[in-house]
C-alpha atoms as a PDB file:
ATOM      1  CA  MET A   1     106.979  97.222  86.830  1.00  0.00           C
ATOM      2  CA  THR A   2     107.194  98.680  90.320  1.00  0.00           C
ATOM      3  CA  GLU A   3     108.745  96.827  93.219  1.00  0.00           C
ATOM      4  CA  ALA A   4     105.343  96.478  94.924  1.00  0.00           C
ATOM      5  CA  TRP A   5     104.274  93.910  92.309  1.00  0.00           C
ATOM      6  CA  GLY A   6     107.292  91.695  92.876  1.00  0.00           C
ATOM      7  CA  LEU A   7     108.701  89.768  95.806  1.00  0.00           C
ATOM      8  CA  PRO A   8     112.407  90.551  96.187  1.00  0.00           C
ATOM      9  CA  THR A   9     114.736  87.648  96.878  1.00  0.00           C
ATOM     10  CA  GLU A  10     117.994  89.564  96.614  1.00  0.00           C
ATOM     11  CA  ALA A  11     119.392  93.018  97.291  1.00  0.00           C
ATOM     12  CA  VAL A  12     122.060  95.073  95.576  1.00  0.00           C
ATOM     13  CA  ILE A  13     124.293  96.576  98.247  1.00  0.00           C
ATOM     14  CA  GLY A  14     127.429  98.480  97.292  1.00  0.00           C
ATOM     15  CA  GLY A  15     127.086  97.255  93.719  1.00  0.00           C
ATOM     16  CA  ARG A  16     127.073  93.594  94.764  1.00  0.00           C
ATOM     17  CA  THR A  17     124.023  91.298  94.742  1.00  0.00           C
ATOM     18  CA  TYR A  18     123.217  89.451  97.960  1.00  0.00           C
ATOM     19  CA  PRO A  19     120.519  86.780  98.293  1.00  0.00           C
ATOM     20  CA  ILE A  20     118.235  87.620 101.221  1.00  0.00           C
ATOM     21  CA  HIS A  21     116.252  85.564 103.711  1.00  0.00           C
ATOM     22  CA  GLY A  22     112.768  86.939 103.142  1.00  0.00           C
ATOM     23  CA  ASP A  23     110.577  84.313 104.809  1.00  0.00           C
ATOM     24  CA  PHE A  24     108.255  85.750 107.449  1.00  0.00           C
ATOM     25  CA  ARG A  25     109.908  83.557 110.109  1.00  0.00           C
ATOM     26  CA  ASP A  26     113.304  85.076 109.236  1.00  0.00           C
ATOM     27  CA  ILE A  27     111.989  88.597 109.797  1.00  0.00           C
ATOM     28  CA  LEU A  28     110.229  87.645 113.027  1.00  0.00           C
ATOM     29  CA  GLU A  29     113.509  86.143 114.276  1.00  0.00           C
ATOM     30  CA  ILE A  30     115.218  89.456 113.492  1.00  0.00           C
ATOM     31  CA  PHE A  31     112.474  91.235 115.489  1.00  0.00           C
ATOM     32  CA  SER A  32     113.186  88.951 118.468  1.00  0.00           C
ATOM     33  CA  TYR A  33     116.794  90.202 118.518  1.00  0.00           C
ATOM     34  CA  PHE A  34     115.660  93.826 118.227  1.00  0.00           C
ATOM     35  CA  GLU A  35     113.553  93.262 121.374  1.00  0.00           C
ATOM     36  CA  ASP A  36     116.322  91.557 123.380  1.00  0.00           C
ATOM     37  CA  PRO A  37     117.137  93.861 126.321  1.00  0.00           C
ATOM     38  CA  GLU A  38     120.490  92.110 126.823  1.00  0.00           C
ATOM     39  CA  LEU A  39     121.894  93.189 123.451  1.00  0.00           C
ATOM     40  CA  PRO A  40     123.298  96.648 122.699  1.00  0.00           C
ATOM     41  CA  GLU A  41     121.785  98.266 119.601  1.00  0.00           C
ATOM     42  CA  TYR A  42     124.872  97.925 117.399  1.00  0.00           C
ATOM     43  CA  LEU A  43     124.941  94.164 118.094  1.00  0.00           C
ATOM     44  CA  ARG A  44     121.232  93.854 117.305  1.00  0.00           C
ATOM     45  CA  TRP A  45     121.910  95.354 113.881  1.00  0.00           C
ATOM     46  CA  GLN A  46     124.935  93.130 113.287  1.00  0.00           C
ATOM     47  CA  ILE A  47     122.827  90.051 114.053  1.00  0.00           C
ATOM     48  CA  ALA A  48     119.985  91.340 111.861  1.00  0.00           C
ATOM     49  CA  LEU A  49     122.333  91.836 108.906  1.00  0.00           C
ATOM     50  CA  ALA A  50     123.872  88.390 109.382  1.00  0.00           C
ATOM     51  CA  LEU A  51     120.421  86.764 109.498  1.00  0.00           C
ATOM     52  CA  PHE A  52     118.983  88.683 106.549  1.00  0.00           C
ATOM     53  CA  TYR A  53     121.798  88.658 104.001  1.00  0.00           C
ATOM     54  CA  GLU A  54     123.684  85.680 102.615  1.00  0.00           C
ATOM     55  CA  GLY A  55     127.307  86.702 102.731  1.00  0.00           C
ATOM     56  CA  GLU A  56     129.089  89.274 104.824  1.00  0.00           C
ATOM     57  CA  ILE A  57     128.388  92.930 104.119  1.00  0.00           C
ATOM     58  CA  PRO A  58     131.592  95.031 104.119  1.00  0.00           C
ATOM     59  CA  GLN A  59     131.686  97.680 106.850  1.00  0.00           C
ATOM     60  CA  GLU A  60     131.545 100.562 104.331  1.00  0.00           C
ATOM     61  CA  HIS A  61     128.215  99.263 102.953  1.00  0.00           C
ATOM     62  CA  GLN A  62     126.504  98.351 106.224  1.00  0.00           C
ATOM     63  CA  GLN A  63     124.469 101.557 106.442  1.00  0.00           C
ATOM     64  CA  GLU A  64     123.084 100.893 102.958  1.00  0.00           C
ATOM     65  CA  ALA A  65     122.347  97.295 104.004  1.00  0.00           C
ATOM     66  CA  ILE A  66     120.545  98.508 107.133  1.00  0.00           C
ATOM     67  CA  GLU A  67     118.453 100.928 105.063  1.00  0.00           C
ATOM     68  CA  TYR A  68     117.514  98.171 102.605  1.00  0.00           C
ATOM     69  CA  LEU A  69     116.560  95.839 105.462  1.00  0.00           C
ATOM     70  CA  GLY A  70     114.355  98.590 106.925  1.00  0.00           C
ATOM     71  CA  SER A  71     112.723  99.152 103.548  1.00  0.00           C
ATOM     72  CA  PHE A  72     112.192  95.409 103.118  1.00  0.00           C
ATOM     73  CA  ILE A  73     110.567  95.125 106.554  1.00  0.00           C
ATOM     74  CA  ASN A  74     108.337  98.042 105.510  1.00  0.00           C
ATOM     75  CA  CYS A  75     107.380  96.078 102.349  1.00  0.00           C
ATOM     76  CA  GLY A  76     109.225  98.453 100.029  1.00  0.00           C
ATOM     77  CA  ARG A  77     107.417 101.553 101.207  1.00  0.00           C
ATOM     78  CA  GLN A  78     109.698 104.495 101.826  1.00  0.00           C
ATOM     79  CA  GLU A  79     107.566 106.451 104.282  1.00  0.00           C
ATOM     80  CA  GLU A  80     108.985 106.771 107.761  1.00  0.00           C
ATOM     81  CA  ALA A  81     107.431 104.720 110.518  1.00  0.00           C
ATOM     82  CA  LYS A  82     105.633 106.985 112.947  1.00  0.00           C
ATOM     83  CA  PRO A  83     106.841 106.259 116.468  1.00  0.00           C
ATOM     84  CA  GLY A  84     104.058 105.599 118.881  1.00  0.00           C
ATOM     85  CA  PRO A  85     103.109 103.400 121.767  1.00  0.00           C
ATOM     86  CA  LYS A  86     103.659  99.699 121.326  1.00  0.00           C
ATOM     87  CA  LEU A  87     100.265  98.061 120.934  1.00  0.00           C
ATOM     88  CA  LEU A  88     101.357  94.782 119.347  1.00  0.00           C
ATOM     89  CA  ASP A  89     104.062  92.317 120.320  1.00  0.00           C
ATOM     90  CA  TRP A  90     105.012  89.795 117.628  1.00  0.00           C
ATOM     91  CA  GLU A  91     106.048  87.223 120.223  1.00  0.00           C
ATOM     92  CA  GLN A  92     103.344  87.709 122.854  1.00  0.00           C
ATOM     93  CA  ASP A  93     100.591  87.953 120.228  1.00  0.00           C
ATOM     94  CA  ALA A  94     101.964  85.188 117.971  1.00  0.00           C
ATOM     95  CA  LEU A  95      99.121  82.675 118.356  1.00  0.00           C
ATOM     96  CA  THR A  96      96.457  85.331 117.839  1.00  0.00           C
ATOM     97  CA  ILE A  97      98.280  86.736 114.805  1.00  0.00           C
ATOM     98  CA  VAL A  98      98.678  83.272 113.291  1.00  0.00           C
ATOM     99  CA  ALA A  99      95.009  82.435 113.838  1.00  0.00           C
ATOM    100  CA  ASP A 100      93.810  85.646 112.179  1.00  0.00           C
ATOM    101  CA  VAL A 101      96.337  85.467 109.310  1.00  0.00           C
ATOM    102  CA  ASN A 102      95.420  81.808 108.747  1.00  0.00           C
ATOM    103  CA  LYS A 103      91.791  82.870 108.421  1.00  0.00           C
ATOM    104  CA  VAL A 104      92.674  85.482 105.797  1.00  0.00           C
ATOM    105  CA  ALA A 105      95.068  83.141 103.966  1.00  0.00           C
ATOM    106  CA  GLY A 106      92.667  80.208 104.054  1.00  0.00           C
ATOM    107  CA  GLN A 107      95.484  77.908 105.152  1.00  0.00           C
ATOM    108  CA  GLU A 108      97.942  77.154 107.903  1.00  0.00           C
ATOM    109  CA  ILE A 109     100.798  79.553 107.175  1.00  0.00           C
ATOM    110  CA  ARG A 110     103.243  77.832 109.539  1.00  0.00           C
ATOM    111  CA  ALA A 111     103.036  74.670 107.413  1.00  0.00           C
ATOM    112  CA  LEU A 112     104.266  76.495 104.316  1.00  0.00           C
ATOM    113  CA  PRO A 113     107.948  75.856 103.599  1.00  0.00           C
ATOM    114  CA  PHE A 114     108.361  79.504 102.534  1.00  0.00           C
ATOM    115  CA  LEU A 115     106.087  82.505 102.903  1.00  0.00           C
ATOM    116  CA  HIS A 116     107.545  85.809 101.748  1.00  0.00           C
ATOM    117  CA  TRP A 117     107.399  88.571 104.352  1.00  0.00           C
ATOM    118  CA  TRP A 118     105.511  90.859 101.964  1.00  0.00           C
ATOM    119  CA  THR A 119     102.824  88.222 101.364  1.00  0.00           C
ATOM    120  CA  PHE A 120     102.556  87.602 105.098  1.00  0.00           C
ATOM    121  CA  MET A 121     102.172  91.340 105.714  1.00  0.00           C
ATOM    122  CA  ALA A 122      99.539  91.677 102.971  1.00  0.00           C
ATOM    123  CA  TRP A 123      97.506  88.984 104.733  1.00  0.00           C
ATOM    124  CA  PHE A 124      98.239  90.558 108.122  1.00  0.00           C
ATOM    125  CA  HIS A 125      96.900  93.926 106.962  1.00  0.00           C
ATOM    126  CA  ALA A 126      93.754  92.238 105.630  1.00  0.00           C
ATOM    127  CA  ILE A 127      92.834  90.736 109.018  1.00  0.00           C
ATOM    128  CA  GLY A 128      90.009  93.175 109.831  1.00  0.00           C
ATOM    129  CA  GLU A 129      87.801  92.459 112.828  1.00  0.00           C
ATOM    130  CA  GLY A 130      88.882  89.602 115.057  1.00  0.00           C
ATOM    131  CA  GLN A 131      90.612  88.772 118.300  1.00  0.00           C
ATOM    132  CA  LEU A 132      93.790  90.643 117.399  1.00  0.00           C
ATOM    133  CA  SER A 133      91.955  93.864 116.582  1.00  0.00           C
ATOM    134  CA  THR A 134      89.979  93.513 119.829  1.00  0.00           C
ATOM    135  CA  ILE A 135      93.156  93.052 121.888  1.00  0.00           C
ATOM    136  CA  VAL A 136      94.925  95.984 120.206  1.00  0.00           C
ATOM    137  CA  SER A 137      91.849  98.214 120.571  1.00  0.00           C
ATOM    138  CA  ILE A 138      91.539  97.465 124.279  1.00  0.00           C
ATOM    139  CA  ARG A 139      95.273  98.090 124.790  1.00  0.00           C
ATOM    140  CA  ASP A 140      94.924 101.434 123.048  1.00  0.00           C
ATOM    141  CA  LYS A 141      91.888 102.456 125.103  1.00  0.00           C
ATOM    142  CA  LEU A 142      93.610 101.460 128.348  1.00  0.00           C
ATOM    143  CA  ARG A 143      96.746 103.365 127.345  1.00  0.00           C
ATOM    144  CA  ARG A 144      94.742 106.507 126.607  1.00  0.00           C
ATOM    145  CA  GLY A 145      92.528 106.167 129.701  1.00  0.00           C
ATOM    146  CA  LYS A 146      89.377 105.736 127.597  1.00  0.00           C
ATOM    147  CA  LYS A 147      86.334 103.980 128.982  1.00  0.00           C
ATOM    148  CA  LEU A 148      85.823 100.381 127.866  1.00  0.00           C
ATOM    149  CA  GLU A 149      82.450  99.161 126.661  1.00  0.00           C
ATOM    150  CA  GLN A 150      80.902  96.447 128.866  1.00  0.00           C
ATOM    151  CA  TRP A 151      81.783  93.678 126.386  1.00  0.00           C
ATOM    152  CA  GLU A 152      85.379  95.000 126.293  1.00  0.00           C
ATOM    153  CA  LYS A 153      85.526  94.929 130.106  1.00  0.00           C
ATOM    154  CA  ASP A 154      84.298  91.332 130.023  1.00  0.00           C
ATOM    155  CA  PHE A 155      86.832  90.395 127.349  1.00  0.00           C
ATOM    156  CA  TYR A 156      89.633  92.109 129.280  1.00  0.00           C
ATOM    157  CA  ARG A 157      88.715  90.393 132.543  1.00  0.00           C
ATOM    158  CA  GLU A 158      88.669  86.977 130.815  1.00  0.00           C
ATOM    159  CA  ASN A 159      91.841  87.632 128.741  1.00  0.00           C
ATOM    160  CA  LYS A 160      93.917  89.937 130.937  1.00  0.00           C
ATOM    161  CA  SER A 161      97.133  87.977 130.363  1.00  0.00           C
ATOM    162  CA  ARG A 162      96.674  88.255 126.585  1.00  0.00           C
ATOM    163  CA  VAL A 163      95.844  91.970 126.637  1.00  0.00           C
ATOM    164  CA  ASP A 164      98.409  93.305 129.121  1.00  0.00           C
ATOM    165  CA  MET A 165     101.767  93.869 127.445  1.00  0.00           C
ATOM    166  CA  LYS A 166     104.527  91.914 129.116  1.00  0.00           C
ATOM    167  CA  LYS A 167     107.731  93.816 129.830  1.00  0.00           C
ATOM    168  CA  ARG A 168     110.995  92.126 128.951  1.00  0.00           C
ATOM    169  CA  TYR A 169     113.717  92.551 131.541  1.00  0.00           C
ATOM    170  CA  SER A 170     117.454  92.038 131.165  1.00  0.00           C
ATOM    171  CA  ALA A 171     119.218  89.572 133.445  1.00  0.00           C
ATOM    172  CA  GLY A 172     120.611  92.537 135.398  1.00  0.00           C
ATOM    173  CA  GLU A 173     117.155  94.029 135.916  1.00  0.00           C
ATOM    174  CA  LEU A 174     115.778  90.675 137.068  1.00  0.00           C
ATOM    175  CA  ALA A 175     118.670  90.258 139.508  1.00  0.00           C
ATOM    176  CA  GLU A 176     118.047  93.749 140.912  1.00  0.00           C
ATOM    177  CA  GLN A 177     114.334  92.995 141.333  1.00  0.00           C
ATOM    178  CA  GLU A 178     115.193  89.792 143.201  1.00  0.00           C
ATOM    179  CA  ARG A 179     117.690  91.653 145.402  1.00  0.00           C
ATOM    180  CA  LEU A 180     115.050  94.276 146.270  1.00  0.00           C
ATOM    181  CA  LYS A 181     112.459  91.581 147.035  1.00  0.00           C
ATOM    182  CA  GLN A 182     114.858  89.925 149.472  1.00  0.00           C
ATOM    183  CA  LEU A 183     115.675  93.260 151.098  1.00  0.00           C
ATOM    184  CA  LEU A 184     112.005  94.095 151.541  1.00  0.00           C
ATOM    185  CA  GLY A 185     111.146  90.620 152.784  1.00  0.00           C
END
């Protein structure tokens, strides 16, 4: 049976089996560290490994552990993620994502004691038309300078704070912005 038909709960890294934390909330927490502008990249990965695996991964096997984590996040698919503009933010869009996934799942997913990341992503990919697809579509059109339909303009005007991507600034960047504001009056 292929891996796609199962839901992994452990990983073999360097010949040793490690239980993994595969709940969707665990992965979203890892994403929050990846997005933290205060953390250098190596520290983001160290935190991700510590959150995902039970037990410490020896230094010589960390690259293998990182690759497995990436494959797990990609639901076992090996194809490379195509870099592109960010059109979705797991934190900013959380309530919209939950509402649309709940609709697909037919239940409140946050009330479940455990929901495997792969199951969550299967439901996420089944969302179809809804508020999330509208928000992402408008973001994409704005990014590419495409004209919005009248209903999209209306939606954007009424939901600007939900559509516009919020930039995350480090403490240093925020301090510099404040310093410049005071200089400029």
